């Protein structure tokens, strides 16, 4: 079954061009010209991935992203921005997007980003190794759920993959580039700041005090380490 993609873009020419290219790749594509329409279609069609422009009539892409993330925690979201400014990228990541792409972009690059996100969304086969436990945390790779003190925490697909790699490598200092390769893929072309923003978002969810992290430690000048209590 082909992956369902919702494209939310107010410029019809761009929307049609992207839709044609994605359909050539075998995707099932739905399109919306506004944020409100995008939310309505998402609720009916239940896409796996949304490609979302920031600048939209009515509610903007940030607000759409926020609503989508609240209603569909497992949804993959790629945000499009006409600006190369870090502010838009960081704001999008803080609202819960998994990746971003600056306009104008090559359709091939968008396809690569979608394929990378698809890998993060793939369910894992059931096995005895699906459960990773480091109290108070538990990660169930089969159901793609993450718990703290037996309470499920809602993680985005990207946050989930980062946590999975941390818990599979307890105590190991992971470089930013290493995290990029493990989560986004070796073909990712972008700023490593995407790692830092996702780490900040994760800390806000799992740490008692995100300003003084106990579990996700910063390894200065290198990256991050999952701290395991002995």
N, C-alpha and C. Protein backbone atom coordinates (compact mmCIF):
# COMPACT_ATOMS: atom_id res chain seq x y z
N UNK A 1 0.85 -1.19 0.00
CA UNK A 1 0.00 0.00 0.00
C UNK A 1 0.88 1.24 0.00
N UNK A 2 0.59 2.19 -0.87
CA UNK A 2 1.42 3.38 -0.99
C UNK A 2 1.19 4.33 0.19
N UNK A 3 2.23 5.06 0.53
CA UNK A 3 2.16 6.03 1.61
C UNK A 3 1.26 7.19 1.19
N UNK A 4 0.39 7.62 2.12
CA UNK A 4 -0.51 8.74 1.84
C UNK A 4 0.15 10.04 2.32
N UNK A 5 0.22 11.00 1.42
CA UNK A 5 0.85 12.28 1.72
C UNK A 5 -0.15 13.40 1.51
N UNK A 6 -0.23 14.30 2.48
CA UNK A 6 -1.05 15.49 2.35
C UNK A 6 -0.14 16.69 2.10
N UNK A 7 -0.37 17.39 1.02
CA UNK A 7 0.41 18.57 0.65
C UNK A 7 -0.42 19.82 0.92
N UNK A 8 0.03 20.65 1.87
CA UNK A 8 -0.68 21.87 2.22
C UNK A 8 0.15 23.05 1.73
N UNK A 9 -0.29 23.65 0.63
CA UNK A 9 0.46 24.72 -0.05
C UNK A 9 -0.53 25.62 -0.78
N UNK A 10 -0.45 26.93 -0.54
CA UNK A 10 -1.45 27.83 -1.12
C UNK A 10 -1.15 28.21 -2.56
N UNK A 11 0.10 28.07 -3.00
CA UNK A 11 0.45 28.38 -4.39
C UNK A 11 0.13 27.17 -5.26
N UNK A 12 -0.90 27.31 -6.09
CA UNK A 12 -1.39 26.17 -6.86
C UNK A 12 -0.34 25.60 -7.79
N UNK A 13 0.46 26.46 -8.43
CA UNK A 13 1.47 25.99 -9.37
C UNK A 13 2.48 25.08 -8.67
N UNK A 14 2.93 25.50 -7.49
CA UNK A 14 3.88 24.68 -6.72
C UNK A 14 3.21 23.39 -6.28
N UNK A 15 1.98 23.51 -5.81
CA UNK A 15 1.24 22.34 -5.32
C UNK A 15 1.08 21.29 -6.41
N UNK A 16 0.68 21.71 -7.60
CA UNK A 16 0.47 20.77 -8.70
C UNK A 16 1.78 20.13 -9.13
N UNK A 17 2.86 20.95 -9.18
CA UNK A 17 4.17 20.44 -9.59
C UNK A 17 4.67 19.37 -8.61
N UNK A 18 4.57 19.68 -7.32
CA UNK A 18 5.02 18.72 -6.30
C UNK A 18 4.16 17.46 -6.33
N UNK A 19 2.85 17.63 -6.48
CA UNK A 19 1.94 16.49 -6.50
C UNK A 19 2.28 15.54 -7.65
N UNK A 20 2.54 16.09 -8.82
CA UNK A 20 2.89 15.26 -9.98
C UNK A 20 4.16 14.46 -9.72
N UNK A 21 5.16 15.13 -9.15
CA UNK A 21 6.43 14.45 -8.89
C UNK A 21 6.29 13.36 -7.83
N UNK A 22 5.50 13.62 -6.80
CA UNK A 22 5.32 12.61 -5.75
C UNK A 22 4.50 11.43 -6.26
N UNK A 23 3.52 11.71 -7.09
CA UNK A 23 2.72 10.61 -7.66
C UNK A 23 3.57 9.75 -8.58
N UNK A 24 4.53 10.35 -9.26
CA UNK A 24 5.45 9.57 -10.09
C UNK A 24 6.28 8.60 -9.25
N UNK A 25 6.51 8.99 -7.98
CA UNK A 25 7.27 8.14 -7.07
C UNK A 25 6.39 7.07 -6.42
N UNK A 26 5.10 7.08 -6.76
CA UNK A 26 4.21 6.06 -6.25
C UNK A 26 3.42 6.44 -5.02
N UNK A 27 3.46 7.70 -4.62
CA UNK A 27 2.73 8.13 -3.43
C UNK A 27 1.29 8.49 -3.77
N UNK A 28 0.42 8.33 -2.79
CA UNK A 28 -0.97 8.77 -2.90
C UNK A 28 -1.04 10.17 -2.30
N UNK A 29 -1.33 11.17 -3.11
CA UNK A 29 -1.19 12.56 -2.67
C UNK A 29 -2.55 13.26 -2.61
N UNK A 30 -2.81 13.91 -1.48
CA UNK A 30 -3.96 14.79 -1.32
C UNK A 30 -3.43 16.22 -1.21
N UNK A 31 -4.21 17.19 -1.64
CA UNK A 31 -3.73 18.57 -1.61
C UNK A 31 -4.74 19.51 -0.97
N UNK A 32 -4.19 20.55 -0.33
CA UNK A 32 -5.02 21.57 0.31
C UNK A 32 -4.37 22.92 0.09
N UNK A 33 -5.21 23.95 -0.09
CA UNK A 33 -4.70 25.28 -0.36
C UNK A 33 -4.69 26.20 0.84
N UNK A 34 -5.15 25.72 1.99
CA UNK A 34 -5.15 26.53 3.21
C UNK A 34 -4.97 25.62 4.42
N UNK A 35 -4.64 26.22 5.55
CA UNK A 35 -4.45 25.44 6.77
C UNK A 35 -5.73 24.78 7.23
N UNK A 36 -6.82 25.52 7.15
CA UNK A 36 -8.11 24.96 7.58
C UNK A 36 -8.49 23.75 6.73
N UNK A 37 -8.29 23.88 5.41
CA UNK A 37 -8.61 22.76 4.51
C UNK A 37 -7.68 21.58 4.79
N UNK A 38 -6.43 21.88 5.07
CA UNK A 38 -5.48 20.81 5.37
C UNK A 38 -5.88 20.01 6.59
N UNK A 39 -6.33 20.70 7.65
CA UNK A 39 -6.75 20.00 8.86
C UNK A 39 -7.97 19.12 8.59
N UNK A 40 -8.91 19.63 7.81
CA UNK A 40 -10.11 18.86 7.47
C UNK A 40 -9.75 17.59 6.71
N UNK A 41 -8.87 17.73 5.71
CA UNK A 41 -8.48 16.57 4.91
C UNK A 41 -7.71 15.56 5.76
N UNK A 42 -6.84 16.05 6.64
CA UNK A 42 -6.07 15.16 7.51
C UNK A 42 -6.99 14.31 8.38
N UNK A 43 -8.05 14.91 8.87
CA UNK A 43 -8.98 14.19 9.75
C UNK A 43 -9.76 13.12 9.00
N UNK A 44 -9.97 13.33 7.71
CA UNK A 44 -10.74 12.38 6.91
C UNK A 44 -9.85 11.31 6.28
N UNK A 45 -8.75 11.74 5.67
CA UNK A 45 -7.90 10.84 4.89
C UNK A 45 -6.82 10.13 5.70
N UNK A 46 -6.48 10.67 6.88
CA UNK A 46 -5.47 10.06 7.76
C UNK A 46 -4.15 9.78 7.02
N UNK A 47 -3.49 10.81 6.51
CA UNK A 47 -2.21 10.59 5.81
C UNK A 47 -1.12 10.18 6.80
N UNK A 48 -0.08 9.55 6.26
CA UNK A 48 1.07 9.20 7.09
C UNK A 48 2.05 10.38 7.21
N UNK A 49 2.12 11.20 6.15
CA UNK A 49 3.05 12.32 6.10
C UNK A 49 2.34 13.56 5.59
N UNK A 50 2.66 14.71 6.18
CA UNK A 50 2.15 16.00 5.70
C UNK A 50 3.32 16.88 5.30
N UNK A 51 3.25 17.43 4.09
CA UNK A 51 4.21 18.42 3.63
C UNK A 51 3.51 19.77 3.76
N UNK A 52 4.02 20.64 4.62
CA UNK A 52 3.27 21.80 5.09
C UNK A 52 4.03 23.10 4.87
N UNK A 53 3.43 24.03 4.13
CA UNK A 53 4.02 25.34 3.94
C UNK A 53 3.75 26.22 5.17
N UNK A 54 4.70 27.11 5.49
CA UNK A 54 4.49 28.01 6.63
C UNK A 54 3.50 29.11 6.27
N UNK A 55 3.74 29.77 5.13
CA UNK A 55 2.93 30.93 4.75
C UNK A 55 1.65 30.47 4.08
N UNK A 56 0.55 30.52 4.84
CA UNK A 56 -0.75 30.07 4.34
C UNK A 56 -1.81 31.12 4.64
N UNK A 57 -2.85 31.20 3.82
CA UNK A 57 -3.97 32.09 4.16
C UNK A 57 -4.71 31.53 5.37
N UNK A 58 -5.25 32.41 6.20
CA UNK A 58 -5.93 31.95 7.41
C UNK A 58 -4.90 31.56 8.46
N UNK A 59 -5.05 30.42 9.07
CA UNK A 59 -4.07 29.98 10.07
C UNK A 59 -2.79 29.57 9.36
N UNK A 60 -1.65 29.93 9.94
CA UNK A 60 -0.38 29.64 9.28
C UNK A 60 0.09 28.22 9.55
N UNK A 61 1.22 27.87 8.92
CA UNK A 61 1.73 26.52 9.03
C UNK A 61 2.11 26.12 10.44
N UNK A 62 2.60 27.08 11.25
CA UNK A 62 2.96 26.77 12.62
C UNK A 62 1.73 26.30 13.41
N UNK A 63 0.62 27.00 13.24
CA UNK A 63 -0.60 26.64 13.96
C UNK A 63 -1.16 25.31 13.45
N UNK A 64 -1.07 25.10 12.13
CA UNK A 64 -1.52 23.82 11.57
C UNK A 64 -0.67 22.68 12.13
N UNK A 65 0.64 22.88 12.18
CA UNK A 65 1.55 21.87 12.72
C UNK A 65 1.20 21.55 14.17
N UNK A 66 0.95 22.58 14.96
CA UNK A 66 0.60 22.39 16.36
C UNK A 66 -0.67 21.55 16.49
N UNK A 67 -1.68 21.87 15.69
CA UNK A 67 -2.94 21.12 15.74
C UNK A 67 -2.77 19.68 15.27
N UNK A 68 -2.02 19.49 14.19
CA UNK A 68 -1.78 18.14 13.68
C UNK A 68 -1.04 17.29 14.70
N UNK A 69 -0.05 17.88 15.34
CA UNK A 69 0.75 17.12 16.30
C UNK A 69 -0.09 16.71 17.51
N UNK A 70 -1.02 17.58 17.91
CA UNK A 70 -1.89 17.25 19.04
C UNK A 70 -2.86 16.13 18.70
N UNK A 71 -3.38 16.16 17.47
CA UNK A 71 -4.38 15.18 17.07
C UNK A 71 -3.77 13.88 16.55
N UNK A 72 -2.59 13.97 15.92
CA UNK A 72 -1.96 12.80 15.30
C UNK A 72 -0.49 12.74 15.71
N UNK A 73 -0.19 12.25 16.92
CA UNK A 73 1.19 12.26 17.41
C UNK A 73 2.17 11.47 16.54
N UNK A 74 1.68 10.44 15.83
CA UNK A 74 2.56 9.60 15.03
C UNK A 74 2.75 10.09 13.60
N UNK A 75 2.13 11.21 13.28
CA UNK A 75 2.20 11.75 11.93
C UNK A 75 3.58 12.30 11.63
N UNK A 76 4.07 12.08 10.39
CA UNK A 76 5.32 12.68 9.95
C UNK A 76 5.05 14.04 9.31
N UNK A 77 5.79 15.06 9.70
CA UNK A 77 5.53 16.42 9.19
C UNK A 77 6.82 17.03 8.65
N UNK A 78 6.78 17.47 7.40
CA UNK A 78 7.89 18.20 6.79
C UNK A 78 7.39 19.61 6.49
N UNK A 79 8.09 20.61 6.99
CA UNK A 79 7.65 21.99 6.81
C UNK A 79 8.44 22.67 5.69
N UNK A 80 7.71 23.41 4.84
CA UNK A 80 8.31 24.18 3.77
C UNK A 80 8.35 25.65 4.17
N UNK A 81 9.47 26.30 3.93
CA UNK A 81 9.57 27.72 4.22
C UNK A 81 10.21 28.46 3.07
N UNK A 82 9.73 29.66 2.80
CA UNK A 82 10.28 30.48 1.72
C UNK A 82 11.50 31.25 2.20
N UNK A 83 11.77 31.17 3.49
CA UNK A 83 12.89 31.91 4.06
C UNK A 83 13.99 30.95 4.51
N UNK A 84 15.23 31.41 4.37
CA UNK A 84 16.36 30.59 4.82
C UNK A 84 16.75 30.93 6.25
N UNK A 85 15.94 31.77 6.92
CA UNK A 85 16.28 32.20 8.27
C UNK A 85 16.13 31.06 9.28
N UNK A 86 17.06 31.02 10.22
CA UNK A 86 17.02 29.99 11.25
C UNK A 86 15.74 30.06 12.08
N UNK A 87 15.19 31.27 12.24
CA UNK A 87 14.00 31.44 13.09
C UNK A 87 12.86 30.55 12.64
N UNK A 88 12.58 30.55 11.33
CA UNK A 88 11.46 29.74 10.83
C UNK A 88 11.72 28.25 11.03
N UNK A 89 12.96 27.83 10.80
CA UNK A 89 13.29 26.42 10.96
C UNK A 89 13.13 25.99 12.42
N UNK A 90 13.68 26.80 13.32
CA UNK A 90 13.62 26.46 14.74
C UNK A 90 12.19 26.51 15.26
N UNK A 91 11.42 27.52 14.83
CA UNK A 91 10.03 27.61 15.25
C UNK A 91 9.25 26.38 14.79
N UNK A 92 9.48 25.96 13.54
CA UNK A 92 8.80 24.78 13.03
C UNK A 92 9.13 23.54 13.84
N UNK A 93 10.40 23.36 14.19
CA UNK A 93 10.81 22.21 14.98
C UNK A 93 10.21 22.26 16.38
N UNK A 94 10.14 23.44 16.94
CA UNK A 94 9.55 23.58 18.27
C UNK A 94 8.06 23.26 18.28
N UNK A 95 7.39 23.51 17.16
CA UNK A 95 5.97 23.20 17.06
C UNK A 95 5.73 21.71 16.78
N UNK A 96 6.80 20.98 16.47
CA UNK A 96 6.65 19.53 16.32
C UNK A 96 6.89 18.97 14.94
N UNK A 97 7.43 19.79 14.01
CA UNK A 97 7.73 19.24 12.69
C UNK A 97 8.95 18.32 12.77
N UNK A 98 9.03 17.33 11.90
CA UNK A 98 10.14 16.38 11.90
C UNK A 98 11.30 16.84 11.04
N UNK A 99 11.01 17.64 10.04
CA UNK A 99 12.05 18.08 9.11
C UNK A 99 11.58 19.37 8.44
N UNK A 100 12.48 20.03 7.74
CA UNK A 100 12.13 21.26 7.04
C UNK A 100 12.89 21.33 5.72
N UNK A 101 12.36 22.11 4.81
CA UNK A 101 12.96 22.29 3.49
C UNK A 101 12.71 23.73 3.06
N UNK A 102 13.76 24.41 2.60
CA UNK A 102 13.64 25.81 2.22
C UNK A 102 13.35 25.93 0.72
N UNK A 103 12.36 26.76 0.40
CA UNK A 103 12.04 27.05 -1.00
C UNK A 103 13.07 28.03 -1.56
N UNK A 104 13.35 27.95 -2.87
CA UNK A 104 12.94 26.89 -3.79
C UNK A 104 13.75 25.61 -3.52
N UNK A 105 13.14 24.47 -3.79
CA UNK A 105 13.80 23.20 -3.52
C UNK A 105 13.68 22.29 -4.73
N UNK A 106 14.60 21.34 -4.79
CA UNK A 106 14.58 20.33 -5.85
C UNK A 106 13.60 19.23 -5.45
N UNK A 107 12.68 18.84 -6.33
CA UNK A 107 11.73 17.77 -6.00
C UNK A 107 12.41 16.48 -5.53
N UNK A 108 13.60 16.22 -6.06
CA UNK A 108 14.34 15.02 -5.63
C UNK A 108 14.71 15.12 -4.16
N UNK A 109 15.08 16.33 -3.71
CA UNK A 109 15.44 16.51 -2.31
C UNK A 109 14.23 16.27 -1.42
N UNK A 110 13.06 16.74 -1.83
CA UNK A 110 11.85 16.50 -1.05
C UNK A 110 11.57 15.00 -0.97
N UNK A 111 11.73 14.31 -2.08
CA UNK A 111 11.51 12.86 -2.09
C UNK A 111 12.45 12.16 -1.13
N UNK A 112 13.71 12.59 -1.09
CA UNK A 112 14.68 11.99 -0.18
C UNK A 112 14.28 12.23 1.28
N UNK A 113 13.80 13.45 1.57
CA UNK A 113 13.36 13.75 2.93
C UNK A 113 12.16 12.89 3.31
N UNK A 114 11.25 12.68 2.37
CA UNK A 114 10.07 11.85 2.63
C UNK A 114 10.48 10.41 2.88
N UNK A 115 11.40 9.90 2.08
CA UNK A 115 11.86 8.52 2.26
C UNK A 115 12.56 8.35 3.60
N UNK A 116 13.33 9.35 4.01
CA UNK A 116 13.99 9.31 5.31
C UNK A 116 12.95 9.27 6.42
N UNK A 117 11.90 10.07 6.29
CA UNK A 117 10.83 10.10 7.29
C UNK A 117 10.05 8.79 7.29
N UNK A 118 9.85 8.20 6.11
CA UNK A 118 9.17 6.91 6.03
C UNK A 118 9.91 5.85 6.84
N UNK A 119 11.24 5.88 6.80
CA UNK A 119 12.03 4.89 7.55
C UNK A 119 11.79 5.06 9.06
N UNK A 120 11.62 6.32 9.50
CA UNK A 120 11.36 6.56 10.92
C UNK A 120 9.97 6.08 11.32
N UNK A 121 9.06 6.01 10.36
CA UNK A 121 7.68 5.63 10.64
C UNK A 121 7.43 4.13 10.54
N UNK A 122 8.41 3.40 10.00
CA UNK A 122 8.20 1.96 9.77
C UNK A 122 8.06 1.21 11.08
N UNK A 123 7.05 0.35 11.19
CA UNK A 123 6.91 -0.48 12.40
C UNK A 123 7.98 -1.56 12.42
N UNK A 124 8.35 -1.98 13.61
CA UNK A 124 9.38 -3.01 13.74
C UNK A 124 8.72 -4.37 13.95
N UNK A 125 9.43 -5.41 13.53
CA UNK A 125 8.92 -6.77 13.71
C UNK A 125 8.96 -7.12 15.20
N UNK A 126 7.97 -7.90 15.60
CA UNK A 126 7.91 -8.29 17.00
C UNK A 126 9.03 -9.27 17.34
N UNK A 127 9.71 -8.99 18.45
CA UNK A 127 10.76 -9.89 18.93
C UNK A 127 10.93 -9.68 20.42
N UNK A 128 11.77 -10.52 21.03
CA UNK A 128 12.01 -10.40 22.47
C UNK A 128 12.88 -9.19 22.80
N UNK A 129 13.46 -8.56 21.76
CA UNK A 129 14.34 -7.42 21.98
C UNK A 129 13.62 -6.09 21.78
N UNK A 130 12.29 -6.13 21.65
CA UNK A 130 11.55 -4.91 21.37
C UNK A 130 11.43 -3.99 22.59
N UNK A 131 11.63 -4.53 23.77
CA UNK A 131 11.44 -3.75 24.99
C UNK A 131 12.79 -3.33 25.56
N UNK A 132 12.97 -2.02 25.73
CA UNK A 132 14.19 -1.48 26.33
C UNK A 132 13.77 -0.75 27.60
N UNK A 133 14.36 -1.16 28.73
CA UNK A 133 13.95 -0.59 30.01
C UNK A 133 15.15 -0.03 30.75
N UNK A 134 15.08 1.24 31.09
CA UNK A 134 16.00 1.90 31.99
C UNK A 134 15.15 2.76 32.93
N UNK A 135 14.77 2.19 34.09
CA UNK A 135 13.86 2.90 34.98
C UNK A 135 14.31 4.35 35.20
N UNK A 136 13.33 5.28 35.17
CA UNK A 136 11.87 5.09 35.09
C UNK A 136 11.33 5.00 33.67
N UNK A 137 12.22 4.75 32.69
CA UNK A 137 11.79 4.79 31.29
C UNK A 137 11.66 3.39 30.70
N UNK A 138 10.73 3.28 29.75
CA UNK A 138 10.53 2.04 29.01
C UNK A 138 10.18 2.39 27.57
N UNK A 139 10.85 1.76 26.63
CA UNK A 139 10.57 1.97 25.21
C UNK A 139 10.14 0.65 24.59
N UNK A 140 8.95 0.63 24.02
CA UNK A 140 8.41 -0.56 23.34
C UNK A 140 8.52 -0.33 21.84
N UNK A 141 9.53 -0.95 21.21
CA UNK A 141 9.78 -0.72 19.79
C UNK A 141 8.69 -1.32 18.91
N UNK A 142 8.01 -2.36 19.39
CA UNK A 142 6.97 -2.99 18.57
C UNK A 142 5.75 -2.07 18.44
N UNK A 143 5.34 -1.48 19.54
CA UNK A 143 4.18 -0.58 19.50
C UNK A 143 4.59 0.88 19.30
N UNK A 144 5.90 1.13 19.26
CA UNK A 144 6.45 2.48 19.10
C UNK A 144 5.93 3.42 20.20
N UNK A 145 5.96 2.93 21.43
CA UNK A 145 5.50 3.73 22.56
C UNK A 145 6.65 3.92 23.56
N UNK A 146 6.59 5.05 24.23
CA UNK A 146 7.63 5.41 25.19
C UNK A 146 6.96 5.80 26.50
N UNK A 147 7.48 5.27 27.61
CA UNK A 147 6.84 5.48 28.90
C UNK A 147 7.84 6.03 29.93
N UNK A 148 7.31 6.84 30.83
CA UNK A 148 8.05 7.25 32.02
C UNK A 148 7.16 6.99 33.22
N UNK A 149 7.68 6.21 34.16
CA UNK A 149 6.88 5.81 35.33
C UNK A 149 5.55 5.20 34.90
N UNK A 150 5.61 4.37 33.84
CA UNK A 150 4.45 3.65 33.30
C UNK A 150 3.41 4.56 32.64
N UNK A 151 3.71 5.84 32.51
CA UNK A 151 2.81 6.76 31.82
C UNK A 151 3.36 7.03 30.42
N UNK A 152 2.51 6.84 29.41
CA UNK A 152 2.98 7.04 28.03
C UNK A 152 3.22 8.52 27.75
N UNK A 153 4.36 8.81 27.15
CA UNK A 153 4.68 10.17 26.72
C UNK A 153 4.54 10.23 25.20
N UNK A 154 3.91 11.27 24.70
CA UNK A 154 3.72 11.43 23.26
C UNK A 154 4.98 11.99 22.62
N UNK A 155 5.63 11.18 21.80
CA UNK A 155 6.83 11.61 21.09
C UNK A 155 6.54 11.67 19.59
N UNK A 156 7.14 12.63 18.92
CA UNK A 156 7.04 12.65 17.46
C UNK A 156 7.87 11.49 16.91
N UNK A 157 7.68 11.09 15.64
CA UNK A 157 8.50 10.01 15.07
C UNK A 157 9.99 10.27 15.21
N UNK A 158 10.41 11.53 15.04
CA UNK A 158 11.83 11.86 15.14
C UNK A 158 12.31 11.76 16.58
N UNK A 159 11.52 12.28 17.52
CA UNK A 159 11.89 12.18 18.93
C UNK A 159 11.99 10.73 19.36
N UNK A 160 11.06 9.92 18.89
CA UNK A 160 11.08 8.49 19.22
C UNK A 160 12.38 7.83 18.74
N UNK A 161 12.77 8.13 17.50
CA UNK A 161 13.98 7.51 16.96
C UNK A 161 15.23 7.98 17.70
N UNK A 162 15.25 9.24 18.11
CA UNK A 162 16.39 9.72 18.89
C UNK A 162 16.47 8.97 20.22
N UNK A 163 15.31 8.82 20.89
CA UNK A 163 15.30 8.11 22.17
C UNK A 163 15.70 6.65 22.00
N UNK A 164 15.25 6.04 20.93
CA UNK A 164 15.60 4.64 20.68
C UNK A 164 17.11 4.48 20.53
N UNK A 165 17.73 5.40 19.79
CA UNK A 165 19.19 5.32 19.61
C UNK A 165 19.93 5.60 20.90
N UNK A 166 19.42 6.52 21.72
CA UNK A 166 20.02 6.76 23.03
C UNK A 166 19.97 5.50 23.88
N UNK A 167 18.78 4.89 23.96
CA UNK A 167 18.59 3.76 24.86
C UNK A 167 19.26 2.49 24.35
N UNK A 168 19.55 2.44 23.06
CA UNK A 168 20.33 1.32 22.53
C UNK A 168 21.82 1.51 22.73
N UNK A 169 22.21 2.75 23.10
CA UNK A 169 23.62 3.06 23.32
C UNK A 169 23.81 3.78 24.65
N UNK A 170 23.41 3.15 25.76
CA UNK A 170 23.49 3.83 27.06
C UNK A 170 24.92 4.19 27.43
N UNK A 171 25.10 5.43 27.87
CA UNK A 171 26.41 5.87 28.32
C UNK A 171 27.35 6.28 27.21
N UNK A 172 26.96 6.07 25.96
CA UNK A 172 27.84 6.39 24.83
C UNK A 172 27.62 7.83 24.39
N UNK A 173 28.72 8.56 24.19
CA UNK A 173 28.63 9.92 23.67
C UNK A 173 28.38 9.85 22.16
N UNK A 174 27.23 10.35 21.73
CA UNK A 174 26.88 10.33 20.31
C UNK A 174 27.11 11.71 19.71
N UNK A 175 27.90 11.77 18.66
CA UNK A 175 28.15 13.03 17.99
C UNK A 175 26.87 13.49 17.28
N UNK A 176 26.77 14.81 17.08
CA UNK A 176 25.61 15.34 16.36
C UNK A 176 25.49 14.71 14.98
N UNK A 177 26.61 14.61 14.26
CA UNK A 177 26.59 14.01 12.93
C UNK A 177 26.17 12.54 12.98
N UNK A 178 26.55 11.86 14.05
CA UNK A 178 26.17 10.46 14.22
C UNK A 178 24.67 10.34 14.42
N UNK A 179 24.11 11.23 15.23
CA UNK A 179 22.65 11.24 15.45
C UNK A 179 21.94 11.57 14.16
N UNK A 180 22.46 12.54 13.40
CA UNK A 180 21.87 12.87 12.10
C UNK A 180 21.82 11.65 11.19
N UNK A 181 22.93 10.93 11.10
CA UNK A 181 22.99 9.75 10.22
C UNK A 181 22.05 8.65 10.69
N UNK A 182 21.97 8.44 12.01
CA UNK A 182 21.13 7.38 12.54
C UNK A 182 19.65 7.67 12.38
N UNK A 183 19.27 8.94 12.54
CA UNK A 183 17.85 9.31 12.55
C UNK A 183 17.37 9.85 11.22
N UNK A 184 18.10 10.80 10.65
CA UNK A 184 17.67 11.43 9.40
C UNK A 184 18.23 10.73 8.16
N UNK A 185 19.30 9.97 8.32
CA UNK A 185 19.89 9.26 7.20
C UNK A 185 21.14 9.96 6.68
N UNK A 186 22.03 9.19 6.07
CA UNK A 186 23.30 9.74 5.59
C UNK A 186 23.12 10.70 4.43
N UNK A 187 21.95 10.66 3.76
CA UNK A 187 21.72 11.55 2.62
C UNK A 187 21.08 12.86 3.05
N UNK A 188 20.96 13.09 4.37
CA UNK A 188 20.35 14.34 4.84
C UNK A 188 21.25 15.52 4.51
N UNK A 189 20.65 16.56 3.94
CA UNK A 189 21.37 17.79 3.65
C UNK A 189 20.70 18.90 4.44
N UNK A 190 21.37 19.35 5.48
CA UNK A 190 20.76 20.38 6.32
C UNK A 190 21.66 20.72 7.48
N UNK A 191 21.14 21.52 8.39
CA UNK A 191 21.89 22.04 9.52
C UNK A 191 21.79 21.08 10.70
N UNK A 192 22.92 20.84 11.37
CA UNK A 192 22.91 19.95 12.53
C UNK A 192 22.14 20.53 13.71
N UNK A 193 21.74 21.82 13.61
CA UNK A 193 20.93 22.43 14.67
C UNK A 193 19.60 21.70 14.83
N UNK A 194 19.19 20.98 13.80
CA UNK A 194 17.94 20.23 13.89
C UNK A 194 18.02 19.21 15.01
N UNK A 195 19.24 18.70 15.28
CA UNK A 195 19.44 17.77 16.40
C UNK A 195 19.24 18.50 17.72
N UNK A 196 19.85 19.67 17.87
CA UNK A 196 19.78 20.41 19.13
C UNK A 196 18.35 20.79 19.49
N UNK A 197 17.58 21.23 18.48
CA UNK A 197 16.19 21.63 18.75
C UNK A 197 15.36 20.43 19.19
N UNK A 198 15.57 19.28 18.55
CA UNK A 198 14.84 18.08 18.96
C UNK A 198 15.23 17.62 20.35
N UNK A 199 16.51 17.78 20.70
CA UNK A 199 16.96 17.43 22.05
C UNK A 199 16.29 18.33 23.09
N UNK A 200 16.20 19.63 22.80
CA UNK A 200 15.54 20.54 23.73
C UNK A 200 14.09 20.15 23.93
N UNK A 201 13.44 19.76 22.83
CA UNK A 201 12.04 19.37 22.91
C UNK A 201 11.88 18.08 23.71
N UNK A 202 12.80 17.14 23.51
CA UNK A 202 12.76 15.89 24.26
C UNK A 202 12.97 16.14 25.76
N UNK A 203 13.93 16.98 26.07
CA UNK A 203 14.19 17.28 27.49
C UNK A 203 12.97 17.87 28.17
N UNK A 204 12.23 18.71 27.44
CA UNK A 204 11.04 19.32 28.03
C UNK A 204 9.98 18.28 28.35
N UNK A 205 10.06 17.12 27.69
CA UNK A 205 9.07 16.06 27.90
C UNK A 205 9.49 15.04 28.95
N UNK A 206 10.80 14.77 29.04
CA UNK A 206 11.22 13.65 29.89
C UNK A 206 11.96 14.07 31.17
N UNK A 207 12.51 15.26 31.18
CA UNK A 207 13.29 15.70 32.34
C UNK A 207 12.40 16.38 33.38
N UNK A 208 12.76 16.22 34.66
CA UNK A 208 12.06 16.96 35.70
C UNK A 208 12.37 18.46 35.58
N UNK A 209 13.62 18.76 35.22
CA UNK A 209 14.06 20.14 35.02
C UNK A 209 14.88 20.18 33.73
N UNK A 210 14.26 20.67 32.65
CA UNK A 210 14.93 20.66 31.35
C UNK A 210 16.18 21.53 31.34
N UNK A 211 16.24 22.54 32.23
CA UNK A 211 17.41 23.42 32.29
C UNK A 211 18.60 22.72 32.95
N UNK A 212 18.30 21.69 33.76
CA UNK A 212 19.35 20.89 34.39
C UNK A 212 19.08 19.42 34.10
N UNK A 213 19.34 18.99 32.84
CA UNK A 213 18.99 17.63 32.43
C UNK A 213 19.74 16.55 33.20
N UNK A 214 19.00 15.55 33.58
CA UNK A 214 19.57 14.42 34.34
C UNK A 214 19.83 13.22 33.43
N UNK A 215 19.01 13.08 32.38
CA UNK A 215 19.08 11.88 31.55
C UNK A 215 19.79 12.11 30.21
N UNK A 216 19.46 13.20 29.53
CA UNK A 216 20.13 13.50 28.25
C UNK A 216 21.20 14.55 28.53
N UNK A 217 22.42 14.08 28.65
CA UNK A 217 23.53 14.96 29.00
C UNK A 217 24.16 15.57 27.75
N UNK A 218 24.62 16.80 27.87
CA UNK A 218 25.37 17.44 26.79
C UNK A 218 26.85 17.08 26.93
N UNK A 219 27.43 16.62 25.85
CA UNK A 219 28.87 16.38 25.80
C UNK A 219 29.46 17.55 25.02
N UNK A 220 30.00 18.51 25.71
CA UNK A 220 30.38 19.78 25.10
C UNK A 220 31.35 19.61 23.95
N UNK A 221 31.03 20.26 22.85
CA UNK A 221 31.86 20.21 21.66
C UNK A 221 31.70 18.94 20.85
N UNK A 222 30.80 18.06 21.29
CA UNK A 222 30.65 16.77 20.60
C UNK A 222 29.19 16.46 20.28
N UNK A 223 28.37 16.29 21.32
CA UNK A 223 26.99 15.89 21.08
C UNK A 223 26.26 15.63 22.39
N UNK A 224 25.69 14.42 22.51
CA UNK A 224 24.86 14.10 23.67
C UNK A 224 25.08 12.66 24.13
N UNK A 225 24.71 12.40 25.39
CA UNK A 225 24.87 11.06 25.97
C UNK A 225 23.66 10.74 26.83
N UNK A 226 23.18 9.49 26.71
CA UNK A 226 22.09 9.01 27.55
C UNK A 226 22.67 8.50 28.85
N UNK A 227 22.34 9.19 29.94
CA UNK A 227 22.90 8.85 31.25
C UNK A 227 22.07 7.74 31.89
N UNK A 228 22.74 6.70 32.32
CA UNK A 228 22.07 5.57 32.95
C UNK A 228 22.45 5.52 34.42
N UNK A 229 21.44 5.47 35.28
CA UNK A 229 21.71 5.36 36.71
C UNK A 229 22.26 3.97 37.02
N UNK A 230 23.32 3.93 37.81
CA UNK A 230 23.92 2.65 38.20
C UNK A 230 23.34 2.20 39.54
